[in-house]
Amino acid sequence: MEPETVEIAQDAQEFAQSLWGHAQVFVDGLMRPWNAYQIAIAVGAYAAAYCIAYVLGPRIREWLRTREGWPKWRMRLGVLLQRRIRLIVFVLLMWPIVWLMQEFTWPSRSYLLNVFASLATAWLLIALLTRLISNGLVRTVVRYGGWIWVTLIILDLSSEAQELLDDAAINVGESRFSVWLVLQAIIVISSLFFLARFISRTSSAQIKSNKDISPSMQVLAVKFLQVLLYGAAFFIGLRAVGVDLTGLAVLSGAIGVGLGFGLQKVVSNLVSGVIILMDKSIKPGDVISLGETFGWINSLGARYVSVVTRDGREYLIPNEDLITGQVVNWSHSNDFVRLDIYFGTSYGCDPHQVRKLAIAAAKGVDRVLSFKAPVCHIVGFGDSSVDYILRFWISDPTGGLTNIRGNVYLALWDTFAENDISIPFPQREVRLLDDDDGQAPAEPDEQGPAQAQSG
């Protein structure tokens, strides 16, 4: 057996013996009257806290439901305190009892009460602080890890546990990685990540509220700040626990070369995302068309752009497609969009009147801009109709294009019906010949007006 394995086994044995010794001392102490009194007092305090929480809990919950105007963070804090009301009451009861016992009795008569109060206070603080961690798995690991370590400190077992964790190590070249070092790195880096996340969110809110910065530059500044903060948190955390970053730099360089060949598309999308943010070709809120996809940009990501369509579908389009493909940005320089619709009227209708009526109908539709007046032109003489094009402008393409076209068509229909303007439609005349003379029936003869589309 290797010497390191033997040393780890010896440390584990010593830790177990120390833990067993503390357990024996605790069990032997139960036989003493004053220790039994302390346990009875702690049990009584917990029972009292349970009864108080049973009465106050529902009332606090109902009171919180009436606080509709509260900010979200205050409401979450209230709900968190309401769920921990039993432990809070127990802590509030235990510390006055400890202080009274220390004031009027010997220290040994309040030792266990002090341990119970310290453990309850530490568990309460850890439970409250870990609620700030959004990730459920990380929150659970930090919470239970913190409870275990604080319990070891209060029971004076932290030194033995630290030695045991430090002896469990592996050597990689000249570097030594122990369980204690890994745990330290996780705790320090997690704390720094939490701090970086808090600073990032606060700074992002300030950047997005600045109207002098364009939306695309806001996204670029937020992404750059996040990369800077999280990268600094990672390297500072490793440096703080004593990890040599020289070997890490060489390793990361080798990994980077390998990933460069295997993740070309990912890197291309990342670079394309930076280019999109810098050239301001698209920004959140723009209405774009890419192939058959038409919608407005919901968010710009590092790898893709989120586009939401009118039917509620959200398309995640890779950044590379927006760089290499043909994209129609309906609101790149401004929000004004011109729409065209086609219709036809009979030859018996006065074209001058038709044009005036069509323009008046379009002006009466909501969302059609009045200061950019609609226009109507004749575009051709069809087989059975005079063909027109009606052009009008809108300033809110996010509100949809099909619906505004439909509203203009309805306005034309109503206006033409009120002014006796006819819209031709396809007709077919069929003649039936008498076949008594033995001749075959004639083929149907198409007569009358041909089809004229009315939009």
Protein backbone atom coordinates (compact mmCIF):
# COMPACT_ATOMS: atom_id res chain seq x y z
CA MET A 1 0.00 0.00 0.00
CA GLU A 2 1.31 3.45 -0.90
CA PRO A 3 2.39 5.75 1.93
CA GLU A 4 -0.15 8.42 0.97
CA THR A 5 -2.99 5.89 1.20
CA VAL A 6 -1.76 4.73 4.60
CA GLU A 7 -1.58 8.33 5.83
CA ILE A 8 -5.12 9.04 4.64
CA ALA A 9 -6.39 5.90 6.36
CA GLN A 10 -4.67 6.89 9.61
CA ASP A 11 -6.16 10.39 9.47
CA ALA A 12 -9.61 8.95 8.80
CA GLN A 13 -9.21 6.64 11.76
CA GLU A 14 -8.13 9.50 14.01
CA PHE A 15 -11.08 11.60 12.85
CA ALA A 16 -13.49 8.75 13.52
CA GLN A 17 -11.97 8.22 16.99
CA SER A 18 -12.28 11.92 17.74
CA LEU A 19 -15.89 11.90 16.60
CA TRP A 20 -16.58 8.81 18.66
CA GLY A 21 -14.95 10.43 21.67
CA HIS A 22 -17.17 13.49 21.37
CA ALA A 23 -20.19 11.22 21.07
CA GLN A 24 -19.17 9.33 24.22
CA VAL A 25 -18.66 12.57 26.11
CA PHE A 26 -22.09 13.75 24.99
CA VAL A 27 -23.77 10.46 26.00
CA ASP A 28 -21.97 10.42 29.35
CA GLY A 29 -23.00 14.03 29.88
CA LEU A 30 -26.62 13.07 29.49
CA MET A 31 -26.32 11.13 32.71
CA ARG A 32 -25.55 14.32 34.58
CA PRO A 33 -28.61 16.15 35.90
CA TRP A 34 -27.66 19.64 34.60
CA ASN A 35 -27.09 18.31 31.06
CA ALA A 36 -30.46 16.60 31.10
CA TYR A 37 -31.98 19.88 32.28
CA GLN A 38 -30.40 21.70 29.34
CA ILE A 39 -31.76 19.19 26.83
CA ALA A 40 -35.19 19.44 28.43
CA ILE A 41 -35.04 23.24 28.20
CA ALA A 42 -34.03 23.08 24.53
CA VAL A 43 -36.86 20.61 23.78
CA GLY A 44 -39.30 22.89 25.62
CA ALA A 45 -38.10 25.91 23.64
CA TYR A 46 -38.55 24.01 20.38
CA ALA A 47 -42.06 22.93 21.39
CA ALA A 48 -42.91 26.54 22.24
CA ALA A 49 -41.48 27.69 18.89
CA TYR A 50 -43.57 25.05 17.10
CA CYS A 51 -46.78 26.22 18.80
CA ILE A 52 -46.02 29.91 18.13
CA ALA A 53 -45.21 29.20 14.49
CA TYR A 54 -48.40 27.13 14.17
CA VAL A 55 -50.41 30.17 15.26
CA LEU A 56 -48.43 32.93 13.52
CA GLY A 57 -47.62 31.15 10.25
CA PRO A 58 -51.09 31.25 8.63
CA ARG A 59 -51.69 34.81 9.81
CA ILE A 60 -48.40 36.03 8.33
CA ARG A 61 -49.22 34.21 5.08
CA GLU A 62 -52.62 35.91 4.84
CA TRP A 63 -51.05 39.27 5.68
CA LEU A 64 -48.49 38.86 2.91
CA ARG A 65 -51.27 38.17 0.40
CA THR A 66 -52.66 41.65 1.06
CA ARG A 67 -49.30 43.33 0.25
CA GLU A 68 -49.99 43.72 -3.47
CA GLY A 69 -47.95 46.91 -3.90
CA TRP A 70 -44.74 45.50 -2.46
CA PRO A 71 -41.65 45.05 -4.68
CA LYS A 72 -40.88 41.49 -5.70
CA TRP A 73 -37.71 41.25 -3.57
CA ARG A 74 -39.58 42.34 -0.44
CA MET A 75 -42.37 39.85 -1.09
CA ARG A 76 -39.85 37.02 -1.58
CA LEU A 77 -38.11 37.97 1.66
CA GLY A 78 -41.44 37.96 3.48
CA VAL A 79 -42.31 34.50 2.14
CA LEU A 80 -38.85 33.20 3.07
CA LEU A 81 -39.16 34.48 6.65
CA GLN A 82 -42.68 33.06 6.92
CA ARG A 83 -41.46 29.61 5.90
CA ARG A 84 -38.64 29.78 8.48
CA ILE A 85 -40.78 31.22 11.27
CA ARG A 86 -40.34 28.12 13.48
CA LEU A 87 -36.55 28.26 13.39
CA ILE A 88 -36.60 32.05 13.84
CA VAL A 89 -38.76 31.79 16.96
CA PHE A 90 -36.56 29.00 18.32
CA VAL A 91 -33.44 31.15 17.92
CA LEU A 92 -35.18 34.13 19.53
CA LEU A 93 -36.14 31.96 22.49
CA MET A 94 -32.81 30.17 22.92
CA TRP A 95 -30.44 33.13 23.19
CA PRO A 96 -32.25 34.85 26.11
CA ILE A 97 -32.31 31.48 27.87
CA VAL A 98 -28.55 31.08 27.30
CA TRP A 99 -27.83 34.57 28.60
CA LEU A 100 -29.98 33.98 31.69
CA MET A 101 -28.32 30.65 32.40
CA GLN A 102 -24.84 32.16 32.03
CA GLU A 103 -25.81 35.02 34.33
CA PHE A 104 -27.24 32.95 37.18
CA THR A 105 -25.48 29.55 36.87
CA TRP A 106 -22.07 28.09 36.11
CA PRO A 107 -20.85 27.99 32.49
CA SER A 108 -21.13 24.20 32.40
CA ARG A 109 -24.86 24.49 33.12
CA SER A 110 -25.40 26.36 29.81
CA TYR A 111 -22.83 24.67 27.54
CA LEU A 112 -25.31 22.49 25.63
CA LEU A 113 -27.80 25.34 25.38
CA ASN A 114 -25.07 27.51 23.85
CA VAL A 115 -24.29 24.75 21.31
CA PHE A 116 -27.97 24.36 20.39
CA ALA A 117 -28.44 28.12 20.00
CA SER A 118 -25.28 28.47 17.90
CA LEU A 119 -26.26 25.60 15.62
CA ALA A 120 -29.79 26.93 15.16
CA THR A 121 -28.50 30.45 14.41
CA ALA A 122 -25.93 29.17 11.91
CA TRP A 123 -28.50 26.97 10.17
CA LEU A 124 -30.95 29.89 9.96
CA LEU A 125 -28.38 32.28 8.46
CA ILE A 126 -27.20 29.70 5.93
CA ALA A 127 -30.80 28.91 4.94
CA LEU A 128 -31.56 32.60 4.41
CA LEU A 129 -28.36 33.42 2.53
CA THR A 130 -28.48 30.42 0.20
CA ARG A 131 -31.91 31.53 -1.06
CA LEU A 132 -30.01 34.19 -3.01
CA ILE A 133 -28.56 31.41 -5.20
CA SER A 134 -30.87 30.92 -8.18
CA ASN A 135 -29.58 27.49 -9.26
CA GLY A 136 -31.39 24.81 -7.26
CA LEU A 137 -28.58 22.23 -7.34
CA VAL A 138 -25.89 24.72 -6.34
CA ARG A 139 -28.14 26.11 -3.60
CA THR A 140 -28.70 22.65 -2.12
CA VAL A 141 -25.00 21.74 -2.21
CA VAL A 142 -23.92 25.03 -0.62
CA ARG A 143 -26.63 24.83 2.02
CA TYR A 144 -25.88 21.31 3.23
CA GLY A 145 -22.13 21.78 2.87
CA GLY A 146 -22.33 24.95 4.95
CA TRP A 147 -24.43 23.25 7.61
CA ILE A 148 -21.95 20.37 7.90
CA TRP A 149 -18.91 22.63 8.12
CA VAL A 150 -20.47 25.01 10.64
CA THR A 151 -21.54 22.05 12.75
CA LEU A 152 -17.97 20.73 12.75
CA ILE A 153 -16.67 24.17 13.79
CA ILE A 154 -19.15 24.49 16.65
CA LEU A 155 -18.38 20.95 17.84
CA ASP A 156 -14.63 21.71 17.59
CA LEU A 157 -14.01 19.04 14.93
CA SER A 158 -12.94 21.33 12.08
CA SER A 159 -9.18 20.80 12.54
CA GLU A 160 -9.41 17.04 12.29
CA ALA A 161 -11.75 17.25 9.29
CA GLN A 162 -9.43 19.74 7.55
CA GLU A 163 -6.40 17.50 8.03
CA LEU A 164 -8.33 14.51 6.68
CA LEU A 165 -9.49 16.41 3.59
CA ASP A 166 -6.04 17.87 2.98
CA ASP A 167 -4.38 14.45 3.08
CA ALA A 168 -6.76 13.10 0.43
CA ALA A 169 -4.87 14.49 -2.58
CA ILE A 170 -3.46 13.62 -5.98
CA ASN A 171 -0.33 14.97 -7.67
CA VAL A 172 -0.42 16.21 -11.27
CA GLY A 173 3.14 17.01 -12.27
CA GLU A 174 4.38 19.50 -9.71
CA SER A 175 0.88 20.50 -8.63
CA ARG A 176 -0.95 18.91 -5.70
CA PHE A 177 -4.74 18.85 -5.61
CA SER A 178 -6.39 17.84 -2.36
CA VAL A 179 -10.06 17.54 -1.48
CA TRP A 180 -9.64 20.47 0.89
CA LEU A 181 -8.15 22.60 -1.91
CA VAL A 182 -10.98 21.66 -4.28
CA LEU A 183 -13.61 22.53 -1.65
CA GLN A 184 -11.90 25.85 -0.99
CA ALA A 185 -11.81 26.60 -4.70
CA ILE A 186 -15.51 25.76 -5.09
CA ILE A 187 -16.49 27.99 -2.17
CA VAL A 188 -14.30 30.93 -3.18
CA ILE A 189 -15.17 30.75 -6.89
CA SER A 190 -18.89 30.36 -6.12
CA SER A 191 -18.77 33.41 -3.86
CA LEU A 192 -16.93 35.43 -6.49
CA PHE A 193 -19.37 34.24 -9.17
CA PHE A 194 -22.26 35.36 -7.00
CA LEU A 195 -20.61 38.77 -6.55
CA ALA A 196 -19.93 39.00 -10.30
CA ARG A 197 -23.54 38.07 -11.05
CA PHE A 198 -24.82 40.75 -8.68
CA ILE A 199 -22.55 43.41 -10.19
CA SER A 200 -23.45 42.28 -13.71
CA ARG A 201 -27.18 42.53 -13.07
CA THR A 202 -26.89 45.93 -11.42
CA SER A 203 -24.67 47.30 -14.18
CA SER A 204 -26.86 45.77 -16.90
CA ALA A 205 -29.93 47.52 -15.50
CA GLN A 206 -28.10 50.86 -15.52
CA ILE A 207 -26.79 50.32 -19.05
CA LYS A 208 -30.22 49.37 -20.41
CA SER A 209 -31.82 52.40 -18.75
CA ASN A 210 -29.40 54.76 -20.51
CA LYS A 211 -31.27 56.10 -23.54
CA ASP A 212 -28.10 57.57 -25.05
CA ILE A 213 -26.76 54.08 -25.82
CA SER A 214 -28.25 52.21 -28.77
CA PRO A 215 -29.87 48.80 -28.07
CA SER A 216 -27.16 46.89 -29.93
CA MET A 217 -24.38 48.66 -28.03
CA GLN A 218 -26.24 47.98 -24.80
CA VAL A 219 -26.22 44.25 -25.52
CA LEU A 220 -22.54 44.38 -26.52
CA ALA A 221 -21.59 46.26 -23.34
CA VAL A 222 -23.56 43.83 -21.16
CA LYS A 223 -21.99 40.75 -22.81
CA PHE A 224 -18.49 42.20 -22.55
CA LEU A 225 -19.05 43.07 -18.89
CA GLN A 226 -20.32 39.57 -18.11
CA VAL A 227 -17.33 37.89 -19.78
CA LEU A 228 -14.94 40.22 -17.96
CA LEU A 229 -16.54 39.75 -14.53
CA TYR A 230 -16.97 35.97 -14.70
CA GLY A 231 -13.50 35.46 -16.17
CA ALA A 232 -11.94 37.61 -13.45
CA ALA A 233 -13.92 35.75 -10.77
CA PHE A 234 -12.68 32.39 -12.05
CA PHE A 235 -8.99 33.29 -12.24
CA ILE A 236 -8.99 35.30 -8.99
CA GLY A 237 -10.68 32.38 -7.23
CA LEU A 238 -8.07 29.91 -8.45
CA ARG A 239 -5.27 32.28 -7.48
CA ALA A 240 -6.78 32.86 -4.05
CA VAL A 241 -6.66 29.16 -3.16
CA GLY A 242 -3.09 28.81 -4.41
CA VAL A 243 -3.54 27.13 -7.79
CA ASP A 244 -0.60 27.71 -10.15
CA LEU A 245 -2.03 29.37 -13.27
CA THR A 246 1.11 28.77 -15.37
CA GLY A 247 0.29 25.14 -16.03
CA LEU A 248 -3.35 26.06 -16.50
CA ALA A 249 -2.41 28.53 -19.24
CA VAL A 250 -0.47 25.84 -21.14
CA LEU A 251 -3.32 23.38 -20.71
CA SER A 252 -5.95 25.89 -21.83
CA GLY A 253 -3.87 26.68 -24.92
CA ALA A 254 -3.75 23.02 -25.90
CA ILE A 255 -7.47 22.63 -25.26
CA GLY A 256 -8.15 25.76 -27.28
CA VAL A 257 -6.36 24.34 -30.33
CA GLY A 258 -8.40 21.15 -30.11
CA LEU A 259 -11.68 22.97 -29.66
CA GLY A 260 -10.86 25.28 -32.57
CA PHE A 261 -11.11 22.35 -34.97
CA GLY A 262 -14.09 20.67 -33.37
CA LEU A 263 -16.20 23.75 -32.64
CA GLN A 264 -15.74 25.83 -35.77
CA LYS A 265 -19.46 26.51 -36.10
CA VAL A 266 -19.76 27.56 -32.48
CA VAL A 267 -16.79 29.92 -32.78
CA SER A 268 -18.19 31.26 -36.05
CA ASN A 269 -21.51 32.03 -34.37
CA LEU A 270 -19.74 33.73 -31.46
CA VAL A 271 -17.68 35.93 -33.77
CA SER A 272 -20.74 36.65 -35.91
CA GLY A 273 -22.62 37.72 -32.79
CA VAL A 274 -19.89 40.21 -31.91
CA ILE A 275 -19.91 41.56 -35.49
CA ILE A 276 -23.71 41.98 -35.40
CA LEU A 277 -23.49 43.91 -32.16
CA MET A 278 -20.69 46.13 -33.41
CA ASP A 279 -22.08 47.02 -36.84
CA LYS A 280 -25.60 47.56 -35.41
CA SER A 281 -27.22 45.84 -38.38
CA ILE A 282 -29.92 44.39 -36.15
CA LYS A 283 -30.98 45.18 -32.61
CA PRO A 284 -33.65 44.03 -30.15
CA GLY A 285 -37.07 45.14 -31.33
CA ASP A 286 -36.22 45.18 -35.06
CA VAL A 287 -38.63 43.47 -37.44
CA ILE A 288 -36.77 41.16 -39.83
CA SER A 289 -37.49 38.63 -42.55
CA LEU A 290 -35.11 35.72 -43.14
CA GLY A 291 -36.38 33.23 -45.66
CA GLU A 292 -39.92 32.34 -44.61
CA THR A 293 -39.39 33.61 -41.05
CA PHE A 294 -40.94 37.00 -40.29
CA GLY A 295 -40.93 38.45 -36.77
CA TRP A 296 -39.27 40.80 -34.39
CA ILE A 297 -36.02 40.27 -32.52
CA ASN A 298 -36.61 39.37 -28.91
CA SER A 299 -32.99 39.07 -27.75
CA LEU A 300 -29.45 38.81 -29.06
CA GLY A 301 -27.46 35.88 -27.68
CA ALA A 302 -23.84 34.88 -27.92
CA ARG A 303 -24.68 32.03 -30.31
CA TYR A 304 -28.11 32.80 -31.73
CA VAL A 305 -30.76 35.50 -32.19
CA SER A 306 -34.25 34.95 -30.81
CA VAL A 307 -36.97 35.95 -33.31
CA VAL A 308 -40.62 35.86 -32.23
CA THR A 309 -43.26 35.58 -34.94
CA ARG A 310 -46.88 36.76 -34.89
CA ASP A 311 -48.15 33.25 -34.09
CA GLY A 312 -46.07 33.10 -30.91
CA ARG A 313 -43.31 30.86 -32.24
CA GLU A 314 -39.77 31.69 -31.18
CA TYR A 315 -37.06 30.88 -33.72
CA LEU A 316 -33.43 30.61 -32.57
CA ILE A 317 -31.48 31.67 -35.65
CA PRO A 318 -27.68 31.16 -35.58
CA ASN A 319 -25.72 34.38 -35.81
CA GLU A 320 -23.79 33.06 -38.81
CA ASP A 321 -27.01 32.87 -40.88
CA LEU A 322 -27.66 36.55 -40.23
CA ILE A 323 -24.17 37.43 -41.44
CA THR A 324 -24.05 35.25 -44.57
CA GLY A 325 -27.74 35.26 -45.56
CA GLN A 326 -29.97 37.95 -47.02
CA VAL A 327 -31.90 39.57 -44.18
CA VAL A 328 -34.70 42.09 -44.65
CA ASN A 329 -34.69 44.51 -41.72
CA TRP A 330 -38.00 46.33 -41.85
CA SER A 331 -36.94 48.81 -39.14
CA HIS A 332 -33.20 49.22 -39.64
CA SER A 333 -33.00 52.98 -40.19
CA ASN A 334 -36.61 53.78 -39.23
CA ASP A 335 -39.90 52.08 -38.50
CA PHE A 336 -41.71 53.25 -41.64
CA VAL A 337 -42.86 50.41 -43.91
CA ARG A 338 -44.66 50.76 -47.25
CA LEU A 339 -47.18 48.11 -48.23
CA ASP A 340 -48.70 47.47 -51.67
CA ILE A 341 -52.01 45.84 -52.51
CA TYR A 342 -53.47 45.15 -55.96
CA PHE A 343 -57.08 45.24 -57.12
CA GLY A 344 -59.12 45.68 -60.29
CA THR A 345 -62.41 47.33 -61.32
CA SER A 346 -64.68 47.02 -64.32
CA TYR A 347 -64.04 49.01 -67.47
CA GLY A 348 -67.34 50.83 -66.95
CA CYS A 349 -66.05 52.54 -63.74
CA ASP A 350 -64.41 55.95 -63.88
CA PRO A 351 -60.70 55.38 -63.05
CA HIS A 352 -60.35 58.91 -61.62
CA GLN A 353 -63.12 58.24 -59.14
CA VAL A 354 -61.71 54.79 -58.34
CA ARG A 355 -58.34 56.29 -57.42
CA LYS A 356 -59.90 58.93 -55.16
CA LEU A 357 -62.12 56.39 -53.43
CA ALA A 358 -59.25 53.96 -52.90
CA ILE A 359 -57.05 56.66 -51.32
CA ALA A 360 -59.91 57.81 -49.08
CA ALA A 361 -60.60 54.22 -47.99
CA ALA A 362 -56.97 53.61 -47.07
CA LYS A 363 -56.78 56.85 -45.06
CA GLY A 364 -59.71 55.74 -42.95
CA VAL A 365 -57.96 52.58 -41.72
CA ASP A 366 -56.17 52.60 -38.37
CA ARG A 367 -52.36 52.28 -38.46
CA VAL A 368 -52.21 53.82 -41.96
CA LEU A 369 -50.11 56.98 -41.73
CA SER A 370 -51.82 60.17 -42.82
CA PHE A 371 -48.71 62.35 -43.19
CA LYS A 372 -47.38 59.80 -45.70
CA ALA A 373 -50.50 59.92 -47.86
CA PRO A 374 -51.55 56.74 -49.68
CA VAL A 375 -51.30 56.78 -53.47
CA CYS A 376 -53.13 54.79 -56.12
CA HIS A 377 -51.97 54.17 -59.71
CA ILE A 378 -53.18 52.29 -62.74
CA VAL A 379 -50.74 49.52 -63.53
CA GLY A 380 -52.39 47.94 -66.56
CA PHE A 381 -55.46 47.06 -68.60
CA GLY A 382 -56.35 43.46 -68.04
CA ASP A 383 -58.60 41.11 -70.00
CA SER A 384 -61.68 42.20 -68.09
CA SER A 385 -60.53 44.80 -65.55
CA VAL A 386 -58.54 47.93 -65.07
CA ASP A 387 -55.72 46.98 -62.66
CA TYR A 388 -54.57 49.29 -59.85
CA ILE A 389 -51.91 49.36 -57.14
CA LEU A 390 -52.60 51.04 -53.79
CA ARG A 391 -49.58 52.02 -51.69
CA PHE A 392 -49.70 53.14 -48.06
CA TRP A 393 -47.33 53.48 -45.09
CA ILE A 394 -47.35 52.16 -41.53
CA SER A 395 -44.95 52.74 -38.63
CA ASP A 396 -45.54 49.63 -36.52
CA PRO A 397 -44.53 46.50 -38.46
CA THR A 398 -44.47 44.56 -35.18
CA GLY A 399 -48.25 44.84 -35.20
CA GLY A 400 -48.40 42.58 -38.26
CA LEU A 401 -48.64 43.05 -42.03
CA THR A 402 -51.34 40.59 -43.05
CA ASN A 403 -53.93 42.11 -40.73
CA ILE A 404 -53.40 45.67 -41.99
CA ARG A 405 -53.64 44.50 -45.60
CA GLY A 406 -56.89 42.74 -44.76
CA ASN A 407 -58.31 45.87 -43.13
CA VAL A 408 -57.49 47.96 -46.21
CA TYR A 409 -59.13 45.39 -48.49
CA LEU A 410 -62.27 45.52 -46.33
CA ALA A 411 -62.28 49.32 -46.49
CA LEU A 412 -62.03 49.15 -50.30
CA TRP A 413 -64.89 46.67 -50.45
CA ASP A 414 -67.17 48.87 -48.33
CA THR A 415 -66.24 52.05 -50.20
CA PHE A 416 -66.75 50.48 -53.63
CA ALA A 417 -70.09 49.00 -52.57
CA GLU A 418 -71.33 52.41 -51.39
CA ASN A 419 -70.30 54.11 -54.66
CA ASP A 420 -71.43 51.39 -57.15
CA ILE A 421 -67.87 50.48 -58.18
CA SER A 422 -67.95 46.91 -59.47
CA ILE A 423 -65.17 44.41 -59.02
CA PRO A 424 -65.13 41.85 -61.90
CA PHE A 425 -65.07 38.15 -61.23
CA PRO A 426 -64.57 35.15 -63.54
CA GLN A 427 -67.59 34.02 -65.55
CA ARG A 428 -67.93 31.11 -67.99
CA GLU A 429 -70.71 30.63 -70.55
CA VAL A 430 -71.55 27.08 -71.69
CA ARG A 431 -73.74 26.45 -74.80
CA LEU A 432 -75.60 23.14 -75.22
CA LEU A 433 -76.21 22.28 -78.92
CA ASP A 434 -78.95 19.97 -80.20
CA ASP A 435 -77.31 16.71 -81.39
CA ASP A 436 -80.31 15.31 -83.34
CA ASP A 437 -78.36 15.58 -86.59
CA GLY A 438 -75.75 13.21 -85.22
CA GLN A 439 -73.12 15.83 -84.72
CA ALA A 440 -71.05 15.72 -81.61
CA PRO A 441 -71.72 18.39 -78.99
CA ALA A 442 -69.53 21.44 -79.33
CA GLU A 443 -66.83 22.14 -76.84
CA PRO A 444 -67.67 24.70 -74.16
CA ASP A 445 -66.91 28.21 -75.33
CA GLU A 446 -65.45 30.59 -72.81
CA GLN A 447 -67.22 33.89 -73.07
CA GLY A 448 -67.55 36.98 -70.96
CA PRO A 449 -65.11 38.65 -68.66
CA ALA A 450 -62.03 36.81 -67.61
CA GLN A 451 -60.86 36.53 -64.03
CA ALA A 452 -59.75 39.69 -62.26
CA GLN A 453 -58.13 39.28 -58.91
CA SER A 454 -59.46 41.50 -56.16
CA GLY A 455 -56.80 40.83 -53.58
